[in-house]
Amino acid sequence: MLYKGVYTALLTPFDENDNVNTQELVKLVEFNLKKGVDGFYVDGSTAEAFLLSFEERKLILKTVADVAKGRCKLIAHIGCVSTKQAVELAKYAENLGYDAVSSVAPFYYKFSFDEIKNYYFTIVDSVNLPMIIYNIPTYSGVNMSVEQIGGFLKDERFIGVKHTSTDYFALRRFKTAFPDKTLCNGFDETFLAGLSMGADGAIGSTFNFMAEKFIKIQELFDNNDVHAAAKLQEEVDIIIAALCECGVMQGEKAILNHMGINMGTTRAPFLPLSKEAEEKLIKTVMPLL
């Protein structure tokens, strides 16, 4: 089954005591559903997953499932360095009614490909949910080849790839070899490039506050109006450039705070935005939203 369309990689709201703010998370989910997103990617990089406790990750999975299950597709990112913990999260997501799981490759210890392969197959053997490989070599340090990822995709339980990479030659090769698998673009700033090379849609962090722009880009692309899609991508990229200047997740939370959803700040060791940086960001971004 293709997971076509726009999937928001949800941010995690924190309260003034640095706890997960489930009330505001529900508001964020509803805000995105009203914009027409096709689903959510929960507990991923954008959620600050590796700064969360294991129980916090479960709390977020449950909160999102409680409000959104049956209303859209739900993908649980259950990636961990530990296979045992990833399996536990996968089983938890399955019990909550998630549609699929996804995982970054285990990182830090420079695992061999055989160890990475064993990690993924242990997870899919433990649940009756399909797996989407999360390919993000710049951040994970794990650079699997097209042939290695293709080895997973030959198994029907591996339904696609979240391709957070600018290697669009690789994305095209995935789609050519596996036309029935889901290919999700991962970098928002090159969404249109991903579509042009075969992506079925995207999973992105800026979708949290401007999903409608990406929904429109995909609609324009599907209707062969590439010029108009490119114009809208240019507008999106002005916003993303401003975020890159101040800190992407910090900036995304600042924008949502300004829009009335209390996201708090990012968790340490991330530093909060200075007042000057936030004012500059809001002045640049809000007229474009």
C-alpha atoms as a PDB file:
ATOM      1  CA  MET A   1       0.000   0.000   0.000  1.00  0.00           C
ATOM      2  CA  LEU A   2       1.356   3.430  -0.954  1.00  0.00           C
ATOM      3  CA  TYR A   3       1.412   6.035   1.803  1.00  0.00           C
ATOM      4  CA  LYS A   4       0.980   8.904  -0.647  1.00  0.00           C
ATOM      5  CA  GLY A   5       0.737  12.489   0.500  1.00  0.00           C
ATOM      6  CA  VAL A   6       1.810  14.772   3.307  1.00  0.00           C
ATOM      7  CA  TYR A   7       2.682  13.361   6.748  1.00  0.00           C
ATOM      8  CA  THR A   8       3.548  15.694   9.596  1.00  0.00           C
ATOM      9  CA  ALA A   9       6.610  14.712  11.635  1.00  0.00           C
ATOM     10  CA  LEU A  10       5.183  15.887  14.921  1.00  0.00           C
ATOM     11  CA  LEU A  11       7.054  18.183  17.262  1.00  0.00           C
ATOM     12  CA  THR A  12       6.859  17.584  21.015  1.00  0.00           C
ATOM     13  CA  PRO A  13       5.380  20.374  23.158  1.00  0.00           C
ATOM     14  CA  PHE A  14       6.950  20.811  26.580  1.00  0.00           C
ATOM     15  CA  ASP A  15       5.431  22.672  29.525  1.00  0.00           C
ATOM     16  CA  GLU A  16       7.220  25.101  31.822  1.00  0.00           C
ATOM     17  CA  ASN A  17       8.571  22.166  33.849  1.00  0.00           C
ATOM     18  CA  ASP A  18      10.037  20.461  30.745  1.00  0.00           C
ATOM     19  CA  ASN A  19       7.389  17.725  30.768  1.00  0.00           C
ATOM     20  CA  VAL A  20       5.529  16.550  27.663  1.00  0.00           C
ATOM     21  CA  ASN A  21       2.472  18.775  27.292  1.00  0.00           C
ATOM     22  CA  THR A  22      -0.181  16.331  26.105  1.00  0.00           C
ATOM     23  CA  GLN A  23      -2.934  18.973  26.015  1.00  0.00           C
ATOM     24  CA  GLU A  24      -1.005  21.061  23.497  1.00  0.00           C
ATOM     25  CA  LEU A  25       0.017  17.942  21.565  1.00  0.00           C
ATOM     26  CA  VAL A  26      -3.668  17.182  21.028  1.00  0.00           C
ATOM     27  CA  LYS A  27      -4.169  20.767  19.802  1.00  0.00           C
ATOM     28  CA  LEU A  28      -1.252  20.364  17.380  1.00  0.00           C
ATOM     29  CA  VAL A  29      -2.699  17.130  15.991  1.00  0.00           C
ATOM     30  CA  GLU A  30      -6.132  18.709  15.506  1.00  0.00           C
ATOM     31  CA  PHE A  31      -4.549  21.790  13.922  1.00  0.00           C
ATOM     32  CA  ASN A  32      -2.838  19.583  11.334  1.00  0.00           C
ATOM     33  CA  LEU A  33      -5.871  17.396  10.694  1.00  0.00           C
ATOM     34  CA  LYS A  34      -7.867  20.519   9.850  1.00  0.00           C
ATOM     35  CA  LYS A  35      -5.197  21.428   7.299  1.00  0.00           C
ATOM     36  CA  GLY A  36      -5.782  18.075   5.600  1.00  0.00           C
ATOM     37  CA  VAL A  37      -2.611  16.090   6.316  1.00  0.00           C
ATOM     38  CA  ASP A  38      -2.666  12.424   5.339  1.00  0.00           C
ATOM     39  CA  GLY A  39      -1.112  11.277   8.580  1.00  0.00           C
ATOM     40  CA  PHE A  40       1.503  11.676  11.281  1.00  0.00           C
ATOM     41  CA  TYR A  41       5.029  10.429  11.825  1.00  0.00           C
ATOM     42  CA  VAL A  42       5.247  10.163  15.604  1.00  0.00           C
ATOM     43  CA  ASP A  43       8.334  10.112  17.873  1.00  0.00           C
ATOM     44  CA  GLY A  44      10.828  10.854  15.106  1.00  0.00           C
ATOM     45  CA  SER A  45      13.776  13.242  14.965  1.00  0.00           C
ATOM     46  CA  THR A  46      11.464  16.269  14.989  1.00  0.00           C
ATOM     47  CA  ALA A  47       9.902  15.009  18.213  1.00  0.00           C
ATOM     48  CA  GLU A  48      13.340  15.159  19.861  1.00  0.00           C
ATOM     49  CA  ALA A  49      12.988  11.391  20.234  1.00  0.00           C
ATOM     50  CA  PHE A  50      16.475  10.772  21.542  1.00  0.00           C
ATOM     51  CA  LEU A  51      16.058  13.447  24.208  1.00  0.00           C
ATOM     52  CA  LEU A  52      12.896  11.773  25.507  1.00  0.00           C
ATOM     53  CA  SER A  53      12.639   9.050  28.120  1.00  0.00           C
ATOM     54  CA  PHE A  54      11.252   5.689  27.068  1.00  0.00           C
ATOM     55  CA  GLU A  55       8.037   6.389  28.957  1.00  0.00           C
ATOM     56  CA  GLU A  56       7.701   9.805  27.338  1.00  0.00           C
ATOM     57  CA  ARG A  57       7.938   8.217  23.912  1.00  0.00           C
ATOM     58  CA  LYS A  58       5.132   5.831  24.870  1.00  0.00           C
ATOM     59  CA  LEU A  59       3.051   8.712  26.232  1.00  0.00           C
ATOM     60  CA  ILE A  60       3.352  10.583  22.936  1.00  0.00           C
ATOM     61  CA  LEU A  61       2.443   7.480  20.913  1.00  0.00           C
ATOM     62  CA  LYS A  62      -0.652   6.948  23.046  1.00  0.00           C
ATOM     63  CA  THR A  63      -1.736  10.592  23.053  1.00  0.00           C
ATOM     64  CA  VAL A  64      -1.596  10.824  19.261  1.00  0.00           C
ATOM     65  CA  ALA A  65      -3.357   7.483  18.794  1.00  0.00           C
ATOM     66  CA  ASP A  66      -6.139   8.480  21.172  1.00  0.00           C
ATOM     67  CA  VAL A  67      -6.978  11.589  19.156  1.00  0.00           C
ATOM     68  CA  ALA A  68      -6.115  10.605  15.570  1.00  0.00           C
ATOM     69  CA  LYS A  69      -6.549   6.845  15.159  1.00  0.00           C
ATOM     70  CA  GLY A  70      -9.037   6.123  12.392  1.00  0.00           C
ATOM     71  CA  ARG A  71      -8.896   9.693  11.105  1.00  0.00           C
ATOM     72  CA  CYS A  72      -5.584   9.407   9.244  1.00  0.00           C
ATOM     73  CA  LYS A  73      -2.570   7.128   8.863  1.00  0.00           C
ATOM     74  CA  LEU A  74      -0.268   6.822  11.863  1.00  0.00           C
ATOM     75  CA  ILE A  75       3.394   5.855  11.594  1.00  0.00           C
ATOM     76  CA  ALA A  76       5.298   5.204  14.818  1.00  0.00           C
ATOM     77  CA  HIS A  77       9.019   5.851  14.759  1.00  0.00           C
ATOM     78  CA  ILE A  78      10.335   3.234  17.191  1.00  0.00           C
ATOM     79  CA  GLY A  79      14.034   3.597  16.394  1.00  0.00           C
ATOM     80  CA  CYS A  80      16.471   2.941  19.234  1.00  0.00           C
ATOM     81  CA  VAL A  81      20.083   1.902  19.535  1.00  0.00           C
ATOM     82  CA  SER A  82      18.785  -1.107  21.478  1.00  0.00           C
ATOM     83  CA  THR A  83      16.911  -3.780  19.526  1.00  0.00           C
ATOM     84  CA  LYS A  84      15.086  -4.807  22.692  1.00  0.00           C
ATOM     85  CA  GLN A  85      13.733  -1.301  23.254  1.00  0.00           C
ATOM     86  CA  ALA A  86      12.779  -0.875  19.591  1.00  0.00           C
ATOM     87  CA  VAL A  87      10.809  -4.127  19.712  1.00  0.00           C
ATOM     88  CA  GLU A  88       9.029  -3.014  22.886  1.00  0.00           C
ATOM     89  CA  LEU A  89       8.012   0.271  21.271  1.00  0.00           C
ATOM     90  CA  ALA A  90       6.898  -1.530  18.099  1.00  0.00           C
ATOM     91  CA  LYS A  91       4.658  -3.849  20.112  1.00  0.00           C
ATOM     92  CA  TYR A  92       3.279  -0.888  22.038  1.00  0.00           C
ATOM     93  CA  ALA A  93       2.482   0.951  18.793  1.00  0.00           C
ATOM     94  CA  GLU A  94       0.784  -2.141  17.399  1.00  0.00           C
ATOM     95  CA  ASN A  95      -1.422  -2.418  20.480  1.00  0.00           C
ATOM     96  CA  LEU A  96      -2.386   1.243  20.073  1.00  0.00           C
ATOM     97  CA  GLY A  97      -3.543   0.643  16.502  1.00  0.00           C
ATOM     98  CA  TYR A  98      -0.755   2.293  14.515  1.00  0.00           C
ATOM     99  CA  ASP A  99      -0.695   1.562  10.794  1.00  0.00           C
ATOM    100  CA  ALA A 100       3.060   1.154  10.413  1.00  0.00           C
ATOM    101  CA  VAL A 101       6.347   1.439  12.238  1.00  0.00           C
ATOM    102  CA  SER A 102       9.511   3.137  11.094  1.00  0.00           C
ATOM    103  CA  SER A 103      13.051   3.085  12.390  1.00  0.00           C
ATOM    104  CA  VAL A 104      16.361   4.759  11.866  1.00  0.00           C
ATOM    105  CA  ALA A 105      19.212   2.248  11.685  1.00  0.00           C
ATOM    106  CA  PRO A 106      20.939   1.629  15.040  1.00  0.00           C
ATOM    107  CA  PHE A 107      23.755   4.133  15.334  1.00  0.00           C
ATOM    108  CA  TYR A 108      26.717   5.349  17.429  1.00  0.00           C
ATOM    109  CA  TYR A 109      28.517   1.993  17.746  1.00  0.00           C
ATOM    110  CA  LYS A 110      29.199   1.652  14.007  1.00  0.00           C
ATOM    111  CA  PHE A 111      27.303  -1.617  13.731  1.00  0.00           C
ATOM    112  CA  SER A 112      28.028  -3.902  10.802  1.00  0.00           C
ATOM    113  CA  PHE A 113      25.381  -4.230   8.113  1.00  0.00           C
ATOM    114  CA  ASP A 114      24.642  -7.774   9.315  1.00  0.00           C
ATOM    115  CA  GLU A 115      23.908  -6.326  12.765  1.00  0.00           C
ATOM    116  CA  ILE A 116      21.708  -3.599  11.256  1.00  0.00           C
ATOM    117  CA  LYS A 117      19.910  -6.189   9.140  1.00  0.00           C
ATOM    118  CA  ASN A 118      19.307  -8.349  12.205  1.00  0.00           C
ATOM    119  CA  TYR A 119      17.933  -5.293  14.047  1.00  0.00           C
ATOM    120  CA  TYR A 120      15.314  -4.593  11.372  1.00  0.00           C
ATOM    121  CA  PHE A 121      14.258  -8.186  10.869  1.00  0.00           C
ATOM    122  CA  THR A 122      13.947  -8.765  14.617  1.00  0.00           C
ATOM    123  CA  ILE A 123      11.504  -5.851  14.756  1.00  0.00           C
ATOM    124  CA  VAL A 124       9.330  -6.964  11.831  1.00  0.00           C
ATOM    125  CA  ASP A 125       9.335 -10.524  13.157  1.00  0.00           C
ATOM    126  CA  SER A 126       7.950  -9.232  16.469  1.00  0.00           C
ATOM    127  CA  VAL A 127       4.859  -7.407  15.156  1.00  0.00           C
ATOM    128  CA  ASN A 128       2.253  -7.551  12.422  1.00  0.00           C
ATOM    129  CA  LEU A 129       2.932  -4.017  11.245  1.00  0.00           C
ATOM    130  CA  PRO A 130       4.771  -2.986   8.081  1.00  0.00           C
ATOM    131  CA  MET A 131       8.131  -1.206   8.370  1.00  0.00           C
ATOM    132  CA  ILE A 132       9.305   2.000   6.692  1.00  0.00           C
ATOM    133  CA  ILE A 133      13.096   2.298   6.713  1.00  0.00           C
ATOM    134  CA  TYR A 134      14.229   5.707   7.973  1.00  0.00           C
ATOM    135  CA  ASN A 135      17.252   6.592   5.859  1.00  0.00           C
ATOM    136  CA  ILE A 136      18.959   9.669   7.321  1.00  0.00           C
ATOM    137  CA  PRO A 137      22.712   9.179   6.817  1.00  0.00           C
ATOM    138  CA  THR A 138      23.771  12.760   7.635  1.00  0.00           C
ATOM    139  CA  TYR A 139      22.465  12.473  11.202  1.00  0.00           C
ATOM    140  CA  SER A 140      22.625   8.739  11.911  1.00  0.00           C
ATOM    141  CA  GLY A 141      26.068   8.193  10.422  1.00  0.00           C
ATOM    142  CA  VAL A 142      24.697   5.004   8.844  1.00  0.00           C
ATOM    143  CA  ASN A 143      25.038   5.106   5.084  1.00  0.00           C
ATOM    144  CA  MET A 144      23.332   2.039   3.643  1.00  0.00           C
ATOM    145  CA  SER A 145      23.695   1.468  -0.077  1.00  0.00           C
ATOM    146  CA  VAL A 146      20.814   1.300  -2.529  1.00  0.00           C
ATOM    147  CA  GLU A 147      21.462  -2.430  -2.825  1.00  0.00           C
ATOM    148  CA  GLN A 148      21.370  -2.929   0.949  1.00  0.00           C
ATOM    149  CA  ILE A 149      18.100  -1.040   1.395  1.00  0.00           C
ATOM    150  CA  GLY A 150      16.749  -2.807  -1.677  1.00  0.00           C
ATOM    151  CA  GLY A 151      17.379  -6.092   0.118  1.00  0.00           C
ATOM    152  CA  PHE A 152      14.871  -5.043   2.754  1.00  0.00           C
ATOM    153  CA  LEU A 153      12.333  -3.821   0.205  1.00  0.00           C
ATOM    154  CA  LYS A 154      12.240  -7.243  -1.436  1.00  0.00           C
ATOM    155  CA  ASP A 155      10.444  -8.424   1.721  1.00  0.00           C
ATOM    156  CA  GLU A 156       6.730  -7.489   1.655  1.00  0.00           C
ATOM    157  CA  ARG A 157       6.881  -6.408   5.292  1.00  0.00           C
ATOM    158  CA  PHE A 158       9.171  -3.499   4.353  1.00  0.00           C
ATOM    159  CA  ILE A 159       6.805  -1.150   2.556  1.00  0.00           C
ATOM    160  CA  GLY A 160       9.026   1.822   1.893  1.00  0.00           C
ATOM    161  CA  VAL A 161      11.703   4.339   2.795  1.00  0.00           C
ATOM    162  CA  LYS A 162      11.674   7.736   4.480  1.00  0.00           C
ATOM    163  CA  HIS A 163      14.490   9.191   2.411  1.00  0.00           C
ATOM    164  CA  THR A 164      15.986  12.115   4.338  1.00  0.00           C
ATOM    165  CA  SER A 165      18.824  12.632   1.927  1.00  0.00           C
ATOM    166  CA  THR A 166      19.596  14.780  -1.096  1.00  0.00           C
ATOM    167  CA  ASP A 167      20.717  11.702  -3.019  1.00  0.00           C
ATOM    168  CA  TYR A 168      17.813  11.810  -5.448  1.00  0.00           C
ATOM    169  CA  PHE A 169      19.604   9.430  -7.776  1.00  0.00           C
ATOM    170  CA  ALA A 170      19.175   6.814  -5.031  1.00  0.00           C
ATOM    171  CA  LEU A 171      15.501   7.733  -4.581  1.00  0.00           C
ATOM    172  CA  ARG A 172      14.901   7.297  -8.318  1.00  0.00           C
ATOM    173  CA  ARG A 173      16.637   3.926  -8.270  1.00  0.00           C
ATOM    174  CA  PHE A 174      14.447   2.801  -5.348  1.00  0.00           C
ATOM    175  CA  LYS A 175      11.288   3.812  -7.225  1.00  0.00           C
ATOM    176  CA  THR A 176      12.400   2.208 -10.481  1.00  0.00           C
ATOM    177  CA  ALA A 177      13.221  -1.091  -8.789  1.00  0.00           C
ATOM    178  CA  PHE A 178      10.247  -1.043  -6.381  1.00  0.00           C
ATOM    179  CA  PRO A 179       7.401   0.979  -7.962  1.00  0.00           C
ATOM    180  CA  ASP A 180       4.857  -0.369  -5.480  1.00  0.00           C
ATOM    181  CA  LYS A 181       6.818   0.721  -2.408  1.00  0.00           C
ATOM    182  CA  THR A 182       6.310   4.022  -0.594  1.00  0.00           C
ATOM    183  CA  LEU A 183       9.075   6.596  -1.076  1.00  0.00           C
ATOM    184  CA  CYS A 184       8.747   9.572   1.276  1.00  0.00           C
ATOM    185  CA  ASN A 185      10.876  12.669   0.769  1.00  0.00           C
ATOM    186  CA  GLY A 186      12.468  13.781   4.037  1.00  0.00           C
ATOM    187  CA  PHE A 187      13.905  17.249   3.427  1.00  0.00           C
ATOM    188  CA  ASP A 188      11.129  19.865   3.241  1.00  0.00           C
ATOM    189  CA  GLU A 189      13.303  22.336   1.345  1.00  0.00           C
ATOM    190  CA  THR A 190      13.578  19.897  -1.583  1.00  0.00           C
ATOM    191  CA  PHE A 191      10.035  18.527  -1.538  1.00  0.00           C
ATOM    192  CA  LEU A 192       9.414  19.310  -5.199  1.00  0.00           C
ATOM    193  CA  ALA A 193      12.737  17.753  -6.187  1.00  0.00           C
ATOM    194  CA  GLY A 194      11.718  14.572  -4.388  1.00  0.00           C
ATOM    195  CA  LEU A 195       8.377  14.457  -6.186  1.00  0.00           C
ATOM    196  CA  SER A 196      10.102  14.915  -9.532  1.00  0.00           C
ATOM    197  CA  MET A 197      12.361  11.923  -8.828  1.00  0.00           C
ATOM    198  CA  GLY A 198       9.561   9.583  -7.798  1.00  0.00           C
ATOM    199  CA  ALA A 199       8.629  10.345  -4.187  1.00  0.00           C
ATOM    200  CA  ASP A 200       5.021   9.505  -3.318  1.00  0.00           C
ATOM    201  CA  GLY A 201       4.853  12.303  -0.791  1.00  0.00           C
ATOM    202  CA  ALA A 202       6.785  13.488   2.205  1.00  0.00           C
ATOM    203  CA  ILE A 203       7.292  13.374   5.943  1.00  0.00           C
ATOM    204  CA  GLY A 204       8.366  16.768   7.225  1.00  0.00           C
ATOM    205  CA  SER A 205       8.834  18.951  10.265  1.00  0.00           C
ATOM    206  CA  THR A 206       7.709  22.312   8.860  1.00  0.00           C
ATOM    207  CA  PHE A 207       4.409  20.637   8.019  1.00  0.00           C
ATOM    208  CA  ASN A 208       3.584  21.210  11.711  1.00  0.00           C
ATOM    209  CA  PHE A 209       2.688  24.818  10.901  1.00  0.00           C
ATOM    210  CA  MET A 210       2.389  25.026   7.090  1.00  0.00           C
ATOM    211  CA  ALA A 211       1.216  21.636   5.837  1.00  0.00           C
ATOM    212  CA  GLU A 212      -1.228  23.301   3.453  1.00  0.00           C
ATOM    213  CA  LYS A 213       1.649  24.673   1.361  1.00  0.00           C
ATOM    214  CA  PHE A 214       3.056  21.190   0.787  1.00  0.00           C
ATOM    215  CA  ILE A 215      -0.372  19.739   0.088  1.00  0.00           C
ATOM    216  CA  LYS A 216      -0.757  22.432  -2.581  1.00  0.00           C
ATOM    217  CA  ILE A 217       2.710  21.789  -4.054  1.00  0.00           C
ATOM    218  CA  GLN A 218       1.854  18.112  -4.466  1.00  0.00           C
ATOM    219  CA  GLU A 219      -1.527  18.953  -5.984  1.00  0.00           C
ATOM    220  CA  LEU A 220       0.099  21.327  -8.486  1.00  0.00           C
ATOM    221  CA  PHE A 221       2.764  18.773  -9.344  1.00  0.00           C
ATOM    222  CA  ASP A 222       0.182  16.033  -9.853  1.00  0.00           C
ATOM    223  CA  ASN A 223      -1.686  18.387 -12.205  1.00  0.00           C
ATOM    224  CA  ASN A 224       1.510  19.050 -14.203  1.00  0.00           C
ATOM    225  CA  ASP A 225       1.707  22.683 -13.105  1.00  0.00           C
ATOM    226  CA  VAL A 226       5.365  22.481 -12.174  1.00  0.00           C
ATOM    227  CA  HIS A 227       5.949  26.227 -12.602  1.00  0.00           C
ATOM    228  CA  ALA A 228       3.355  27.107  -9.956  1.00  0.00           C
ATOM    229  CA  ALA A 229       4.648  24.308  -7.701  1.00  0.00           C
ATOM    230  CA  ALA A 230       8.169  25.730  -7.998  1.00  0.00           C
ATOM    231  CA  LYS A 231       6.938  29.208  -7.058  1.00  0.00           C
ATOM    232  CA  LEU A 232       5.338  27.833  -3.911  1.00  0.00           C
ATOM    233  CA  GLN A 233       8.473  25.795  -3.099  1.00  0.00           C
ATOM    234  CA  GLU A 234      10.468  29.046  -3.357  1.00  0.00           C
ATOM    235  CA  GLU A 235       8.136  30.624  -0.795  1.00  0.00           C
ATOM    236  CA  VAL A 236       8.506  27.632   1.505  1.00  0.00           C
ATOM    237  CA  ASP A 237      12.279  27.821   1.173  1.00  0.00           C
ATOM    238  CA  ILE A 238      12.370  31.456   2.323  1.00  0.00           C
ATOM    239  CA  ILE A 239      10.761  30.250   5.550  1.00  0.00           C
ATOM    240  CA  ILE A 240      13.099  27.259   5.858  1.00  0.00           C
ATOM    241  CA  ALA A 241      16.156  29.451   5.278  1.00  0.00           C
ATOM    242  CA  ALA A 242      15.032  31.646   8.177  1.00  0.00           C
ATOM    243  CA  LEU A 243      14.612  28.559  10.347  1.00  0.00           C
ATOM    244  CA  CYS A 244      18.059  27.271   9.432  1.00  0.00           C
ATOM    245  CA  GLU A 245      19.536  30.585  10.501  1.00  0.00           C
ATOM    246  CA  CYS A 246      18.153  30.395  14.034  1.00  0.00           C
ATOM    247  CA  GLY A 247      17.682  26.652  14.665  1.00  0.00           C
ATOM    248  CA  VAL A 248      15.013  24.622  12.914  1.00  0.00           C
ATOM    249  CA  MET A 249      13.118  22.984  15.768  1.00  0.00           C
ATOM    250  CA  GLN A 250      13.538  25.981  18.064  1.00  0.00           C
ATOM    251  CA  GLY A 251      12.174  28.172  15.291  1.00  0.00           C
ATOM    252  CA  GLU A 252       9.286  25.862  14.459  1.00  0.00           C
ATOM    253  CA  LYS A 253       8.208  25.902  18.086  1.00  0.00           C
ATOM    254  CA  ALA A 254       8.486  29.687  18.215  1.00  0.00           C
ATOM    255  CA  ILE A 255       6.246  29.990  15.152  1.00  0.00           C
ATOM    256  CA  LEU A 256       3.626  27.668  16.643  1.00  0.00           C
ATOM    257  CA  ASN A 257       3.790  29.522  19.968  1.00  0.00           C
ATOM    258  CA  HIS A 258       3.026  32.683  17.994  1.00  0.00           C
ATOM    259  CA  MET A 259       0.125  30.886  16.279  1.00  0.00           C
ATOM    260  CA  GLY A 260      -1.465  29.984  19.611  1.00  0.00           C
ATOM    261  CA  ILE A 261      -0.214  26.454  20.276  1.00  0.00           C
ATOM    262  CA  ASN A 262       1.996  26.443  23.367  1.00  0.00           C
ATOM    263  CA  MET A 263       4.989  24.334  22.337  1.00  0.00           C
ATOM    264  CA  GLY A 264       7.374  25.659  24.956  1.00  0.00           C
ATOM    265  CA  THR A 265      11.028  25.362  23.976  1.00  0.00           C
ATOM    266  CA  THR A 266      13.315  22.586  22.828  1.00  0.00           C
ATOM    267  CA  ARG A 267      14.912  20.312  25.407  1.00  0.00           C
ATOM    268  CA  ALA A 268      18.525  20.777  26.540  1.00  0.00           C
ATOM    269  CA  PRO A 269      21.191  20.573  25.287  1.00  0.00           C
ATOM    270  CA  PHE A 270      19.337  22.634  22.662  1.00  0.00           C
ATOM    271  CA  LEU A 271      19.428  26.291  23.632  1.00  0.00           C
ATOM    272  CA  PRO A 272      16.328  28.490  23.426  1.00  0.00           C
ATOM    273  CA  LEU A 273      16.132  31.262  20.843  1.00  0.00           C
ATOM    274  CA  SER A 274      17.248  34.714  21.858  1.00  0.00           C
ATOM    275  CA  LYS A 275      14.556  37.364  21.867  1.00  0.00           C
ATOM    276  CA  GLU A 276      16.247  39.047  18.913  1.00  0.00           C
ATOM    277  CA  ALA A 277      16.413  35.825  16.853  1.00  0.00           C
ATOM    278  CA  GLU A 278      12.767  35.036  17.552  1.00  0.00           C
ATOM    279  CA  GLU A 279      11.611  38.519  16.588  1.00  0.00           C
ATOM    280  CA  LYS A 280      13.576  38.351  13.328  1.00  0.00           C
ATOM    281  CA  LEU A 281      12.136  34.913  12.545  1.00  0.00           C
ATOM    282  CA  ILE A 282       8.541  35.923  13.223  1.00  0.00           C
ATOM    283  CA  LYS A 283       8.937  39.103  11.160  1.00  0.00           C
ATOM    284  CA  THR A 284      10.191  37.034   8.198  1.00  0.00           C
ATOM    285  CA  VAL A 285       7.822  34.085   8.440  1.00  0.00           C
ATOM    286  CA  MET A 286       4.416  35.298   9.534  1.00  0.00           C
ATOM    287  CA  PRO A 287       3.656  37.395   6.424  1.00  0.00           C
ATOM    288  CA  LEU A 288       4.171  34.227   4.342  1.00  0.00           C
ATOM    289  CA  LEU A 289       1.771  32.060   6.359  1.00  0.00           C
END
